[in-house]
């Protein structure tokens, strides 16, 4: 019998949100002199069911800011999920960030890598992020 499979598959050339955030996370310790780090954590679906309803998909993540000098604290910047096809992704931001970025919907839908990169750049340059990271640096120094 001959193979019934196609001869090729549609492999995506775009970076995953995880790859983008992990690359960006490497810059933060350098900028903050190792006082603040960004961490991407995969979380179980039931976490989302209990904590953040409305996100759907097969893979679930949270993006956190942490400091080794503040071991009992983390700042949850956002949570997101996606299906096996990667895009679209479904994102929820911390409330103050959502206000500052003037996001109306509770869950934001991002359809491709370019949209995601533009959004992350706005996020990282927001006043809320600057204040949170600045406060974490201050507390780490005291």
C-alpha atoms as a PDB file:
ATOM      1  CA  UNK A   1       0.000   0.000   0.000  1.00  0.00           C
ATOM      2  CA  UNK A   2       1.284   3.516  -0.762  1.00  0.00           C
ATOM      3  CA  UNK A   3       1.514   6.219   1.865  1.00  0.00           C
ATOM      4  CA  UNK A   4      -1.647   8.241   2.268  1.00  0.00           C
ATOM      5  CA  UNK A   5       0.222  11.065   4.001  1.00  0.00           C
ATOM      6  CA  UNK A   6       1.003  14.316   2.172  1.00  0.00           C
ATOM      7  CA  UNK A   7       4.569  14.709   0.892  1.00  0.00           C
ATOM      8  CA  UNK A   8       5.117  17.885   2.966  1.00  0.00           C
ATOM      9  CA  UNK A   9       3.628  19.736   5.901  1.00  0.00           C
ATOM     10  CA  UNK A  10       2.973  23.424   6.573  1.00  0.00           C
ATOM     11  CA  UNK A  11       5.653  24.097   9.162  1.00  0.00           C
ATOM     12  CA  UNK A  12       5.368  27.622  10.499  1.00  0.00           C
ATOM     13  CA  UNK A  13       8.338  29.913  10.017  1.00  0.00           C
ATOM     14  CA  UNK A  14       7.286  32.359  12.715  1.00  0.00           C
ATOM     15  CA  UNK A  15       8.689  32.339  16.236  1.00  0.00           C
ATOM     16  CA  UNK A  16       6.448  31.101  18.994  1.00  0.00           C
ATOM     17  CA  UNK A  17       5.400  33.503  21.751  1.00  0.00           C
ATOM     18  CA  UNK A  18       7.521  31.401  24.104  1.00  0.00           C
ATOM     19  CA  UNK A  19      10.641  31.876  21.972  1.00  0.00           C
ATOM     20  CA  UNK A  20      10.062  35.622  21.767  1.00  0.00           C
ATOM     21  CA  UNK A  21       9.510  36.030  25.515  1.00  0.00           C
ATOM     22  CA  UNK A  22      12.432  33.782  26.455  1.00  0.00           C
ATOM     23  CA  UNK A  23      14.741  35.801  24.178  1.00  0.00           C
ATOM     24  CA  UNK A  24      13.485  39.063  25.678  1.00  0.00           C
ATOM     25  CA  UNK A  25      13.795  37.706  29.215  1.00  0.00           C
ATOM     26  CA  UNK A  26      17.559  37.393  28.692  1.00  0.00           C
ATOM     27  CA  UNK A  27      17.889  41.180  28.353  1.00  0.00           C
ATOM     28  CA  UNK A  28      16.246  42.148  31.661  1.00  0.00           C
ATOM     29  CA  UNK A  29      18.947  40.913  34.089  1.00  0.00           C
ATOM     30  CA  UNK A  30      21.561  42.849  32.117  1.00  0.00           C
ATOM     31  CA  UNK A  31      19.481  46.027  32.226  1.00  0.00           C
ATOM     32  CA  UNK A  32      18.678  45.683  35.959  1.00  0.00           C
ATOM     33  CA  UNK A  33      22.105  44.451  37.079  1.00  0.00           C
ATOM     34  CA  UNK A  34      20.601  41.033  37.948  1.00  0.00           C
ATOM     35  CA  UNK A  35      18.062  42.523  40.346  1.00  0.00           C
ATOM     36  CA  UNK A  36      14.984  41.650  38.281  1.00  0.00           C
ATOM     37  CA  UNK A  37      14.430  38.703  35.983  1.00  0.00           C
ATOM     38  CA  UNK A  38      11.582  37.742  33.695  1.00  0.00           C
ATOM     39  CA  UNK A  39      10.388  34.149  33.809  1.00  0.00           C
ATOM     40  CA  UNK A  40       8.073  32.294  31.468  1.00  0.00           C
ATOM     41  CA  UNK A  41       6.326  29.386  33.147  1.00  0.00           C
ATOM     42  CA  UNK A  42       4.109  26.780  31.587  1.00  0.00           C
ATOM     43  CA  UNK A  43       1.142  26.122  33.849  1.00  0.00           C
ATOM     44  CA  UNK A  44      -1.506  23.460  34.016  1.00  0.00           C
ATOM     45  CA  UNK A  45      -4.857  24.074  32.385  1.00  0.00           C
ATOM     46  CA  UNK A  46      -6.695  23.753  35.706  1.00  0.00           C
ATOM     47  CA  UNK A  47      -4.777  26.826  36.934  1.00  0.00           C
ATOM     48  CA  UNK A  48      -6.479  28.780  34.167  1.00  0.00           C
ATOM     49  CA  UNK A  49      -9.837  27.207  34.867  1.00  0.00           C
ATOM     50  CA  UNK A  50      -9.642  28.379  38.466  1.00  0.00           C
ATOM     51  CA  UNK A  51      -7.765  31.661  38.081  1.00  0.00           C
ATOM     52  CA  UNK A  52      -8.279  33.050  34.623  1.00  0.00           C
ATOM     53  CA  UNK A  53     -11.363  31.838  32.861  1.00  0.00           C
ATOM     54  CA  UNK A  54     -11.770  32.607  29.200  1.00  0.00           C
ATOM     55  CA  UNK A  55      -8.374  31.639  27.872  1.00  0.00           C
ATOM     56  CA  UNK A  56      -8.528  28.641  25.606  1.00  0.00           C
ATOM     57  CA  UNK A  57      -6.037  26.382  23.988  1.00  0.00           C
ATOM     58  CA  UNK A  58      -3.717  23.459  24.465  1.00  0.00           C
ATOM     59  CA  UNK A  59      -0.757  25.304  26.031  1.00  0.00           C
ATOM     60  CA  UNK A  60      -0.943  27.748  28.956  1.00  0.00           C
ATOM     61  CA  UNK A  61       1.726  30.166  30.249  1.00  0.00           C
ATOM     62  CA  UNK A  62       2.340  32.992  32.642  1.00  0.00           C
ATOM     63  CA  UNK A  63       5.019  35.664  32.303  1.00  0.00           C
ATOM     64  CA  UNK A  64       6.380  36.825  35.648  1.00  0.00           C
ATOM     65  CA  UNK A  65       8.863  39.314  37.035  1.00  0.00           C
ATOM     66  CA  UNK A  66      10.930  38.016  39.948  1.00  0.00           C
ATOM     67  CA  UNK A  67      13.962  38.946  42.010  1.00  0.00           C
ATOM     68  CA  UNK A  68      16.291  36.726  43.998  1.00  0.00           C
ATOM     69  CA  UNK A  69      16.276  39.517  46.577  1.00  0.00           C
ATOM     70  CA  UNK A  70      12.477  39.250  46.963  1.00  0.00           C
ATOM     71  CA  UNK A  71      12.042  35.462  47.205  1.00  0.00           C
ATOM     72  CA  UNK A  72       8.381  35.545  48.232  1.00  0.00           C
ATOM     73  CA  UNK A  73       7.210  37.956  45.540  1.00  0.00           C
ATOM     74  CA  UNK A  74       6.453  37.795  41.831  1.00  0.00           C
ATOM     75  CA  UNK A  75       4.574  40.156  39.539  1.00  0.00           C
ATOM     76  CA  UNK A  76       2.346  38.435  36.987  1.00  0.00           C
ATOM     77  CA  UNK A  77       2.594  40.556  33.853  1.00  0.00           C
ATOM     78  CA  UNK A  78       0.359  38.376  31.716  1.00  0.00           C
ATOM     79  CA  UNK A  79      -1.053  34.973  31.099  1.00  0.00           C
ATOM     80  CA  UNK A  80      -1.595  33.510  27.669  1.00  0.00           C
ATOM     81  CA  UNK A  81      -2.596  30.387  25.855  1.00  0.00           C
ATOM     82  CA  UNK A  82      -2.672  28.967  22.362  1.00  0.00           C
ATOM     83  CA  UNK A  83      -3.726  25.897  20.492  1.00  0.00           C
ATOM     84  CA  UNK A  84      -1.329  23.512  18.741  1.00  0.00           C
ATOM     85  CA  UNK A  85      -1.282  25.785  15.682  1.00  0.00           C
ATOM     86  CA  UNK A  86       0.397  28.474  17.876  1.00  0.00           C
ATOM     87  CA  UNK A  87      -1.397  31.534  16.481  1.00  0.00           C
ATOM     88  CA  UNK A  88      -3.782  32.999  17.379  1.00  0.00           C
ATOM     89  CA  UNK A  89      -2.793  33.423  21.015  1.00  0.00           C
ATOM     90  CA  UNK A  90      -5.121  34.547  23.792  1.00  0.00           C
ATOM     91  CA  UNK A  91      -3.664  37.004  26.307  1.00  0.00           C
ATOM     92  CA  UNK A  92      -4.747  38.502  29.619  1.00  0.00           C
ATOM     93  CA  UNK A  93      -2.740  41.352  31.142  1.00  0.00           C
ATOM     94  CA  UNK A  94      -2.454  42.611  34.692  1.00  0.00           C
ATOM     95  CA  UNK A  95      -5.278  45.145  35.233  1.00  0.00           C
ATOM     96  CA  UNK A  96      -3.166  48.316  35.380  1.00  0.00           C
ATOM     97  CA  UNK A  97      -1.284  47.353  32.223  1.00  0.00           C
ATOM     98  CA  UNK A  98      -4.579  46.664  30.482  1.00  0.00           C
ATOM     99  CA  UNK A  99      -5.811  50.159  31.416  1.00  0.00           C
ATOM    100  CA  UNK A 100      -2.629  51.881  30.339  1.00  0.00           C
ATOM    101  CA  UNK A 101      -2.563  50.105  26.974  1.00  0.00           C
ATOM    102  CA  UNK A 102      -6.265  51.009  26.547  1.00  0.00           C
ATOM    103  CA  UNK A 103      -7.288  47.421  25.928  1.00  0.00           C
ATOM    104  CA  UNK A 104     -11.055  47.027  25.977  1.00  0.00           C
ATOM    105  CA  UNK A 105     -11.457  43.284  25.742  1.00  0.00           C
ATOM    106  CA  UNK A 106     -10.784  41.131  28.770  1.00  0.00           C
ATOM    107  CA  UNK A 107      -8.934  38.636  26.575  1.00  0.00           C
ATOM    108  CA  UNK A 108      -6.849  39.925  23.695  1.00  0.00           C
ATOM    109  CA  UNK A 109      -6.507  37.804  20.567  1.00  0.00           C
ATOM    110  CA  UNK A 110      -3.198  38.118  18.692  1.00  0.00           C
ATOM    111  CA  UNK A 111      -3.154  36.570  15.237  1.00  0.00           C
ATOM    112  CA  UNK A 112       0.522  36.485  14.275  1.00  0.00           C
ATOM    113  CA  UNK A 113       4.126  37.007  15.326  1.00  0.00           C
ATOM    114  CA  UNK A 114       4.306  40.613  14.092  1.00  0.00           C
ATOM    115  CA  UNK A 115       1.264  41.651  16.156  1.00  0.00           C
ATOM    116  CA  UNK A 116       2.705  39.904  19.200  1.00  0.00           C
ATOM    117  CA  UNK A 117       6.092  41.637  18.908  1.00  0.00           C
ATOM    118  CA  UNK A 118       4.431  45.053  18.535  1.00  0.00           C
ATOM    119  CA  UNK A 119       2.283  44.402  21.587  1.00  0.00           C
ATOM    120  CA  UNK A 120       5.217  43.190  23.700  1.00  0.00           C
ATOM    121  CA  UNK A 121       7.239  46.273  22.798  1.00  0.00           C
ATOM    122  CA  UNK A 122       4.356  48.518  23.971  1.00  0.00           C
ATOM    123  CA  UNK A 123       4.041  46.424  27.112  1.00  0.00           C
ATOM    124  CA  UNK A 124       7.733  46.571  28.010  1.00  0.00           C
ATOM    125  CA  UNK A 125       7.798  50.341  27.478  1.00  0.00           C
ATOM    126  CA  UNK A 126       4.642  51.029  29.483  1.00  0.00           C
ATOM    127  CA  UNK A 127       4.797  53.243  32.559  1.00  0.00           C
ATOM    128  CA  UNK A 128       3.388  50.412  34.667  1.00  0.00           C
ATOM    129  CA  UNK A 129       6.257  48.099  33.750  1.00  0.00           C
ATOM    130  CA  UNK A 130       8.807  50.866  34.401  1.00  0.00           C
ATOM    131  CA  UNK A 131       7.289  51.542  37.835  1.00  0.00           C
ATOM    132  CA  UNK A 132       7.026  47.870  38.822  1.00  0.00           C
ATOM    133  CA  UNK A 133      10.596  47.068  37.758  1.00  0.00           C
ATOM    134  CA  UNK A 134      11.863  50.277  39.382  1.00  0.00           C
ATOM    135  CA  UNK A 135      10.129  49.359  42.639  1.00  0.00           C
ATOM    136  CA  UNK A 136      11.543  45.836  42.520  1.00  0.00           C
ATOM    137  CA  UNK A 137      15.061  47.266  42.044  1.00  0.00           C
ATOM    138  CA  UNK A 138      14.538  49.670  44.959  1.00  0.00           C
ATOM    139  CA  UNK A 139      13.296  46.912  47.266  1.00  0.00           C
ATOM    140  CA  UNK A 140      16.106  44.599  46.183  1.00  0.00           C
ATOM    141  CA  UNK A 141      18.667  47.243  47.138  1.00  0.00           C
ATOM    142  CA  UNK A 142      17.210  47.867  50.597  1.00  0.00           C
END
